[in-house]
């Protein structure tokens, strides 16, 4: 008899846990869909991480940070140093994440290049 009384309790416990998981997932989906539109556009910033001399000039390693939850694709970065420009394209920068890349310049300069994001696509 004790086996019969435990089965319904175990079933009710499992059903309650399943219901709690479903409610939690629905709440997450509702909160995500109610986010402000500003969070749906990537918020990208780029900084020079390291300057590396090369045989042909200088390599500027950069880090792109995405402060929003939206992924950015085909992110275009432009750098200027000593009157010279260089560009690079980073495939993806996931939301709330970082990505790295390198800009190549033909001449080494004493000051770090200025870098900026010039555009991206929404996947």
N, C-alpha and C. Protein backbone atom coordinates (compact mmCIF):
# COMPACT_ATOMS: atom_id res chain seq x y z
N UNK A 1 0.81 -1.19 0.00
CA UNK A 1 0.00 0.00 0.00
C UNK A 1 0.85 1.26 0.00
N UNK A 2 1.98 1.22 0.69
CA UNK A 2 2.79 2.42 0.72
C UNK A 2 3.36 2.74 -0.66
N UNK A 3 3.53 1.73 -1.53
CA UNK A 3 4.00 1.97 -2.90
C UNK A 3 2.98 2.74 -3.71
N UNK A 4 1.70 2.50 -3.48
CA UNK A 4 0.66 3.21 -4.23
C UNK A 4 0.55 4.66 -3.78
N UNK A 5 0.77 4.95 -2.52
CA UNK A 5 0.64 6.33 -2.05
C UNK A 5 1.85 7.18 -2.46
N UNK A 6 3.00 6.55 -2.68
CA UNK A 6 4.18 7.30 -3.08
C UNK A 6 4.13 7.69 -4.56
N UNK A 7 3.57 6.88 -5.40
CA UNK A 7 3.55 7.17 -6.83
C UNK A 7 2.82 8.48 -7.12
N UNK A 8 1.64 8.72 -6.58
CA UNK A 8 0.99 10.01 -6.87
C UNK A 8 1.79 11.19 -6.32
N UNK A 9 2.41 11.04 -5.16
CA UNK A 9 3.21 12.13 -4.62
C UNK A 9 4.40 12.43 -5.53
N UNK A 10 5.06 11.39 -6.02
CA UNK A 10 6.18 11.57 -6.94
C UNK A 10 5.71 12.20 -8.25
N UNK A 11 4.57 11.78 -8.74
CA UNK A 11 4.01 12.35 -9.97
C UNK A 11 3.68 13.82 -9.78
N UNK A 12 3.06 14.16 -8.65
CA UNK A 12 2.71 15.56 -8.39
C UNK A 12 3.97 16.42 -8.23
N UNK A 13 4.98 15.87 -7.59
CA UNK A 13 6.24 16.61 -7.43
C UNK A 13 6.89 16.87 -8.78
N UNK A 14 6.93 15.84 -9.63
CA UNK A 14 7.51 15.99 -10.97
C UNK A 14 6.71 16.98 -11.80
N UNK A 15 5.40 16.90 -11.72
CA UNK A 15 4.54 17.83 -12.46
C UNK A 15 4.75 19.26 -11.97
N UNK A 16 4.88 19.43 -10.66
CA UNK A 16 5.12 20.77 -10.10
C UNK A 16 6.45 21.35 -10.55
N UNK A 17 7.49 20.52 -10.57
CA UNK A 17 8.79 20.99 -11.04
C UNK A 17 8.74 21.35 -12.53
N UNK A 18 8.06 20.53 -13.31
CA UNK A 18 7.91 20.83 -14.74
C UNK A 18 7.16 22.13 -14.96
N UNK A 19 6.11 22.35 -14.20
CA UNK A 19 5.34 23.58 -14.31
C UNK A 19 6.19 24.79 -13.92
N UNK A 20 7.00 24.65 -12.88
CA UNK A 20 7.88 25.75 -12.45
C UNK A 20 8.89 26.10 -13.54
N UNK A 21 9.44 25.10 -14.21
CA UNK A 21 10.40 25.34 -15.29
C UNK A 21 9.72 26.05 -16.45
N UNK A 22 8.52 25.62 -16.82
CA UNK A 22 7.79 26.25 -17.93
C UNK A 22 7.45 27.70 -17.59
N UNK A 23 7.00 27.96 -16.37
CA UNK A 23 6.68 29.33 -15.97
C UNK A 23 7.93 30.21 -16.00
N UNK A 24 9.06 29.67 -15.53
CA UNK A 24 10.31 30.44 -15.55
C UNK A 24 10.73 30.77 -16.98
N UNK A 25 10.62 29.81 -17.89
CA UNK A 25 10.98 30.06 -19.29
C UNK A 25 10.06 31.10 -19.93
N UNK A 26 8.78 31.01 -19.65
CA UNK A 26 7.85 32.01 -20.19
C UNK A 26 8.15 33.40 -19.64
N UNK A 27 8.50 33.47 -18.36
CA UNK A 27 8.84 34.77 -17.77
C UNK A 27 10.09 35.36 -18.42
N UNK A 28 11.08 34.53 -18.69
CA UNK A 28 12.30 35.00 -19.36
C UNK A 28 11.98 35.51 -20.75
N UNK A 29 11.17 34.78 -21.49
CA UNK A 29 10.79 35.21 -22.84
C UNK A 29 10.01 36.52 -22.82
N UNK A 30 9.09 36.65 -21.88
CA UNK A 30 8.31 37.89 -21.78
C UNK A 30 9.19 39.08 -21.40
N UNK A 31 10.10 38.88 -20.46
CA UNK A 31 11.00 39.97 -20.07
C UNK A 31 11.92 40.37 -21.22
N UNK A 32 12.39 39.38 -21.98
CA UNK A 32 13.27 39.68 -23.11
C UNK A 32 12.53 40.44 -24.20
N UNK A 33 11.28 40.09 -24.44
CA UNK A 33 10.52 40.78 -25.49
C UNK A 33 10.09 42.18 -25.04
N UNK A 34 10.07 42.43 -23.74
CA UNK A 34 9.65 43.74 -23.23
C UNK A 34 10.82 44.71 -23.05
N UNK A 35 12.03 44.29 -23.42
CA UNK A 35 13.19 45.16 -23.26
C UNK A 35 13.05 46.40 -24.11
N UNK A 36 13.70 47.44 -23.66
CA UNK A 36 13.68 48.71 -24.39
C UNK A 36 14.35 48.54 -25.75
N UNK A 37 13.89 49.26 -26.76
CA UNK A 37 14.49 49.15 -28.09
C UNK A 37 15.97 49.50 -28.11
N UNK A 38 16.45 50.33 -27.18
CA UNK A 38 17.86 50.68 -27.16
C UNK A 38 18.74 49.45 -26.95
N UNK A 39 18.22 48.45 -26.22
CA UNK A 39 19.01 47.27 -25.95
C UNK A 39 19.01 46.32 -27.14
N UNK A 40 18.20 46.58 -28.14
CA UNK A 40 18.15 45.71 -29.31
C UNK A 40 19.11 46.16 -30.40
N UNK A 41 19.78 47.29 -30.19
CA UNK A 41 20.78 47.78 -31.13
C UNK A 41 22.14 47.61 -30.48
N UNK A 42 23.09 47.00 -31.19
CA UNK A 42 24.41 46.81 -30.59
C UNK A 42 25.03 48.14 -30.15
N UNK A 43 25.63 48.13 -28.97
CA UNK A 43 26.31 49.30 -28.41
C UNK A 43 27.81 48.98 -28.41
N UNK A 44 28.48 49.34 -29.50
CA UNK A 44 29.86 48.93 -29.73
C UNK A 44 30.85 50.04 -29.39
N UNK A 45 31.95 49.65 -28.77
CA UNK A 45 33.08 50.55 -28.56
C UNK A 45 34.35 49.78 -28.89
N UNK A 46 35.36 50.50 -29.35
CA UNK A 46 36.61 49.84 -29.75
C UNK A 46 37.79 50.58 -29.13
N UNK A 47 38.76 49.81 -28.66
CA UNK A 47 39.98 50.37 -28.08
C UNK A 47 41.19 49.62 -28.63
N UNK A 48 42.32 50.31 -28.70
CA UNK A 48 43.57 49.67 -29.11
C UNK A 48 44.13 48.94 -27.90
N UNK A 49 44.38 47.67 -28.06
CA UNK A 49 44.86 46.81 -26.98
C UNK A 49 46.39 46.79 -26.92
N UNK A 50 47.02 46.72 -28.11
CA UNK A 50 48.47 46.57 -28.14
C UNK A 50 49.00 47.02 -29.50
N UNK A 51 50.15 47.66 -29.50
CA UNK A 51 50.86 48.02 -30.73
C UNK A 51 52.05 47.09 -30.89
N UNK A 52 52.16 46.46 -32.06
CA UNK A 52 53.23 45.51 -32.31
C UNK A 52 53.99 45.94 -33.56
N UNK A 53 55.30 46.19 -33.43
CA UNK A 53 56.07 46.52 -34.63
C UNK A 53 56.19 45.30 -35.54
N UNK A 54 56.08 45.53 -36.83
CA UNK A 54 56.24 44.46 -37.82
C UNK A 54 57.30 44.88 -38.82
N UNK A 55 57.73 43.94 -39.67
CA UNK A 55 58.74 44.28 -40.68
C UNK A 55 58.21 45.31 -41.66
N UNK A 56 56.91 45.31 -41.88
CA UNK A 56 56.35 46.25 -42.85
C UNK A 56 55.73 47.49 -42.21
N UNK A 57 55.82 47.64 -40.89
CA UNK A 57 55.25 48.82 -40.25
C UNK A 57 54.80 48.55 -38.82
N UNK A 58 53.49 48.59 -38.62
CA UNK A 58 52.94 48.44 -37.27
C UNK A 58 51.60 47.71 -37.33
N UNK A 59 51.37 46.83 -36.36
CA UNK A 59 50.08 46.16 -36.20
C UNK A 59 49.44 46.68 -34.92
N UNK A 60 48.21 47.13 -35.04
CA UNK A 60 47.47 47.62 -33.87
C UNK A 60 46.38 46.62 -33.54
N UNK A 61 46.56 45.90 -32.43
CA UNK A 61 45.53 44.96 -31.99
C UNK A 61 44.43 45.74 -31.29
N UNK A 62 43.17 45.43 -31.63
CA UNK A 62 42.06 46.16 -31.02
C UNK A 62 41.05 45.19 -30.44
N UNK A 63 40.24 45.71 -29.51
CA UNK A 63 39.16 44.95 -28.88
C UNK A 63 37.87 45.72 -29.08
N UNK A 64 36.85 45.04 -29.62
CA UNK A 64 35.52 45.62 -29.75
C UNK A 64 34.67 45.06 -28.62
N UNK A 65 34.04 45.93 -27.84
CA UNK A 65 33.15 45.52 -26.76
C UNK A 65 31.72 45.85 -27.14
N UNK A 66 30.82 44.90 -26.91
CA UNK A 66 29.40 45.09 -27.18
C UNK A 66 28.66 45.11 -25.85
N UNK A 67 28.15 46.27 -25.45
CA UNK A 67 27.49 46.42 -24.15
C UNK A 67 26.02 46.02 -24.19
N UNK A 68 25.45 45.83 -25.37
CA UNK A 68 24.03 45.48 -25.46
C UNK A 68 23.88 43.96 -25.58
N UNK A 69 22.64 43.51 -25.59
CA UNK A 69 22.37 42.09 -25.73
C UNK A 69 22.25 41.63 -27.17
N UNK A 70 22.30 42.55 -28.11
CA UNK A 70 22.11 42.24 -29.53
C UNK A 70 23.46 41.97 -30.21
N UNK A 71 23.53 40.92 -31.01
CA UNK A 71 24.73 40.60 -31.76
C UNK A 71 24.88 41.54 -32.95
N UNK A 72 26.11 41.91 -33.25
CA UNK A 72 26.42 42.70 -34.44
C UNK A 72 27.26 41.83 -35.38
N UNK A 73 26.98 41.91 -36.67
CA UNK A 73 27.76 41.15 -37.64
C UNK A 73 28.42 42.10 -38.63
N UNK A 74 29.49 41.60 -39.24
CA UNK A 74 30.26 42.38 -40.23
C UNK A 74 30.58 43.78 -39.70
N UNK A 75 31.19 43.81 -38.52
CA UNK A 75 31.53 45.08 -37.87
C UNK A 75 32.77 45.66 -38.55
N UNK A 76 32.64 46.89 -39.02
CA UNK A 76 33.74 47.56 -39.72
C UNK A 76 34.44 48.53 -38.77
N UNK A 77 35.75 48.39 -38.71
CA UNK A 77 36.58 49.22 -37.83
C UNK A 77 37.56 50.00 -38.70
N UNK A 78 37.71 51.28 -38.37
CA UNK A 78 38.66 52.13 -39.09
C UNK A 78 39.65 52.69 -38.09
N UNK A 79 40.91 52.71 -38.49
CA UNK A 79 41.95 53.30 -37.66
C UNK A 79 42.77 54.29 -38.46
N UNK A 80 43.23 55.34 -37.78
CA UNK A 80 44.08 56.36 -38.42
C UNK A 80 45.30 56.60 -37.55
N UNK A 81 46.45 56.60 -38.22
CA UNK A 81 47.71 56.86 -37.52
C UNK A 81 48.67 57.55 -38.48
N UNK A 82 49.16 58.69 -38.09
CA UNK A 82 50.14 59.40 -38.89
C UNK A 82 49.69 59.69 -40.32
N UNK A 83 48.45 60.07 -40.51
CA UNK A 83 47.94 60.38 -41.84
C UNK A 83 47.57 59.17 -42.67
N UNK A 84 47.72 57.99 -42.12
CA UNK A 84 47.40 56.75 -42.84
C UNK A 84 46.14 56.12 -42.24
N UNK A 85 45.32 55.52 -43.10
CA UNK A 85 44.10 54.85 -42.64
C UNK A 85 44.20 53.35 -42.88
N UNK A 86 43.56 52.58 -42.00
CA UNK A 86 43.47 51.13 -42.16
C UNK A 86 42.07 50.71 -41.74
N UNK A 87 41.55 49.67 -42.38
CA UNK A 87 40.22 49.16 -42.03
C UNK A 87 40.28 47.65 -41.82
N UNK A 88 39.33 47.17 -41.03
CA UNK A 88 39.18 45.73 -40.79
C UNK A 88 37.71 45.44 -40.58
N UNK A 89 37.31 44.22 -40.89
CA UNK A 89 35.93 43.78 -40.67
C UNK A 89 35.95 42.56 -39.76
N UNK A 90 35.18 42.62 -38.69
CA UNK A 90 35.05 41.51 -37.74
C UNK A 90 33.71 40.84 -38.02
N UNK A 91 33.72 39.51 -38.18
CA UNK A 91 32.51 38.79 -38.57
C UNK A 91 31.37 38.98 -37.58
N UNK A 92 31.60 38.67 -36.31
CA UNK A 92 30.53 38.75 -35.30
C UNK A 92 31.07 39.30 -33.99
N UNK A 93 30.25 40.11 -33.34
CA UNK A 93 30.50 40.53 -31.96
C UNK A 93 29.23 40.19 -31.19
N UNK A 94 29.22 39.08 -30.45
CA UNK A 94 28.02 38.68 -29.72
C UNK A 94 27.62 39.71 -28.67
N UNK A 95 26.36 39.67 -28.28
CA UNK A 95 25.87 40.57 -27.23
C UNK A 95 26.60 40.35 -25.93
N UNK A 96 26.87 41.45 -25.22
CA UNK A 96 27.57 41.42 -23.94
C UNK A 96 28.87 40.62 -24.02
N UNK A 97 29.65 40.91 -25.06
CA UNK A 97 30.87 40.15 -25.30
C UNK A 97 31.91 41.03 -25.99
N UNK A 98 33.08 40.46 -26.22
CA UNK A 98 34.17 41.16 -26.90
C UNK A 98 34.63 40.36 -28.11
N UNK A 99 35.26 41.06 -29.04
CA UNK A 99 35.91 40.43 -30.19
C UNK A 99 37.20 41.18 -30.45
N UNK A 100 38.17 40.50 -31.06
CA UNK A 100 39.48 41.10 -31.30
C UNK A 100 39.80 41.12 -32.78
N UNK A 101 40.68 42.04 -33.15
CA UNK A 101 41.14 42.13 -34.53
C UNK A 101 42.44 42.90 -34.59
N UNK A 102 42.95 43.07 -35.82
CA UNK A 102 44.22 43.76 -36.03
C UNK A 102 44.09 44.71 -37.20
N UNK A 103 44.61 45.92 -37.03
CA UNK A 103 44.74 46.89 -38.12
C UNK A 103 46.22 46.98 -38.47
N UNK A 104 46.53 46.97 -39.77
CA UNK A 104 47.92 47.03 -40.21
C UNK A 104 48.22 48.39 -40.83
N UNK A 105 49.32 48.98 -40.38
CA UNK A 105 49.78 50.27 -40.90
C UNK A 105 51.17 50.08 -41.50
N UNK A 106 51.47 50.82 -42.56
CA UNK A 106 52.76 50.65 -43.24
C UNK A 106 53.90 51.37 -42.54
N UNK A 107 53.59 52.28 -41.62
CA UNK A 107 54.66 52.97 -40.90
C UNK A 107 54.36 52.96 -39.41
N UNK A 108 55.42 52.82 -38.63
CA UNK A 108 55.27 52.83 -37.17
C UNK A 108 55.22 54.27 -36.68
N UNK A 109 54.30 54.55 -35.77
CA UNK A 109 54.19 55.88 -35.19
C UNK A 109 54.37 55.78 -33.68
N UNK A 110 54.75 56.89 -33.09
CA UNK A 110 54.96 56.90 -31.64
C UNK A 110 53.64 56.89 -30.88
N UNK A 111 52.62 57.50 -31.46
CA UNK A 111 51.33 57.58 -30.77
C UNK A 111 50.40 56.47 -31.26
N UNK A 112 49.54 55.98 -30.38
CA UNK A 112 48.60 54.93 -30.81
C UNK A 112 47.59 55.49 -31.81
N UNK A 113 47.13 54.66 -32.72
CA UNK A 113 46.15 55.13 -33.70
C UNK A 113 44.79 55.40 -33.05
N UNK A 114 44.02 56.26 -33.67
CA UNK A 114 42.63 56.46 -33.24
C UNK A 114 41.78 55.45 -34.01
N UNK A 115 40.89 54.79 -33.31
CA UNK A 115 40.06 53.76 -33.93
C UNK A 115 38.59 54.04 -33.63
N UNK A 116 37.74 53.61 -34.56
CA UNK A 116 36.30 53.76 -34.35
C UNK A 116 35.56 52.71 -35.17
N UNK A 117 34.36 52.39 -34.72
CA UNK A 117 33.47 51.50 -35.48
C UNK A 117 32.73 52.37 -36.49
N UNK A 118 32.78 51.97 -37.76
CA UNK A 118 32.12 52.77 -38.80
C UNK A 118 30.80 52.17 -39.25
N UNK A 119 30.53 50.93 -38.92
CA UNK A 119 29.26 50.33 -39.31
C UNK A 119 29.19 48.86 -38.94
N UNK A 120 27.97 48.31 -39.02
CA UNK A 120 27.75 46.89 -38.75
C UNK A 120 26.40 46.50 -39.33
N UNK A 121 26.14 45.20 -39.35
CA UNK A 121 24.85 44.68 -39.79
C UNK A 121 24.16 43.98 -38.63
N UNK A 122 22.84 43.98 -38.66
CA UNK A 122 22.06 43.22 -37.67
C UNK A 122 21.79 41.85 -38.26
N UNK A 123 22.18 40.79 -37.54
CA UNK A 123 21.95 39.44 -38.09
C UNK A 123 20.49 39.04 -38.08
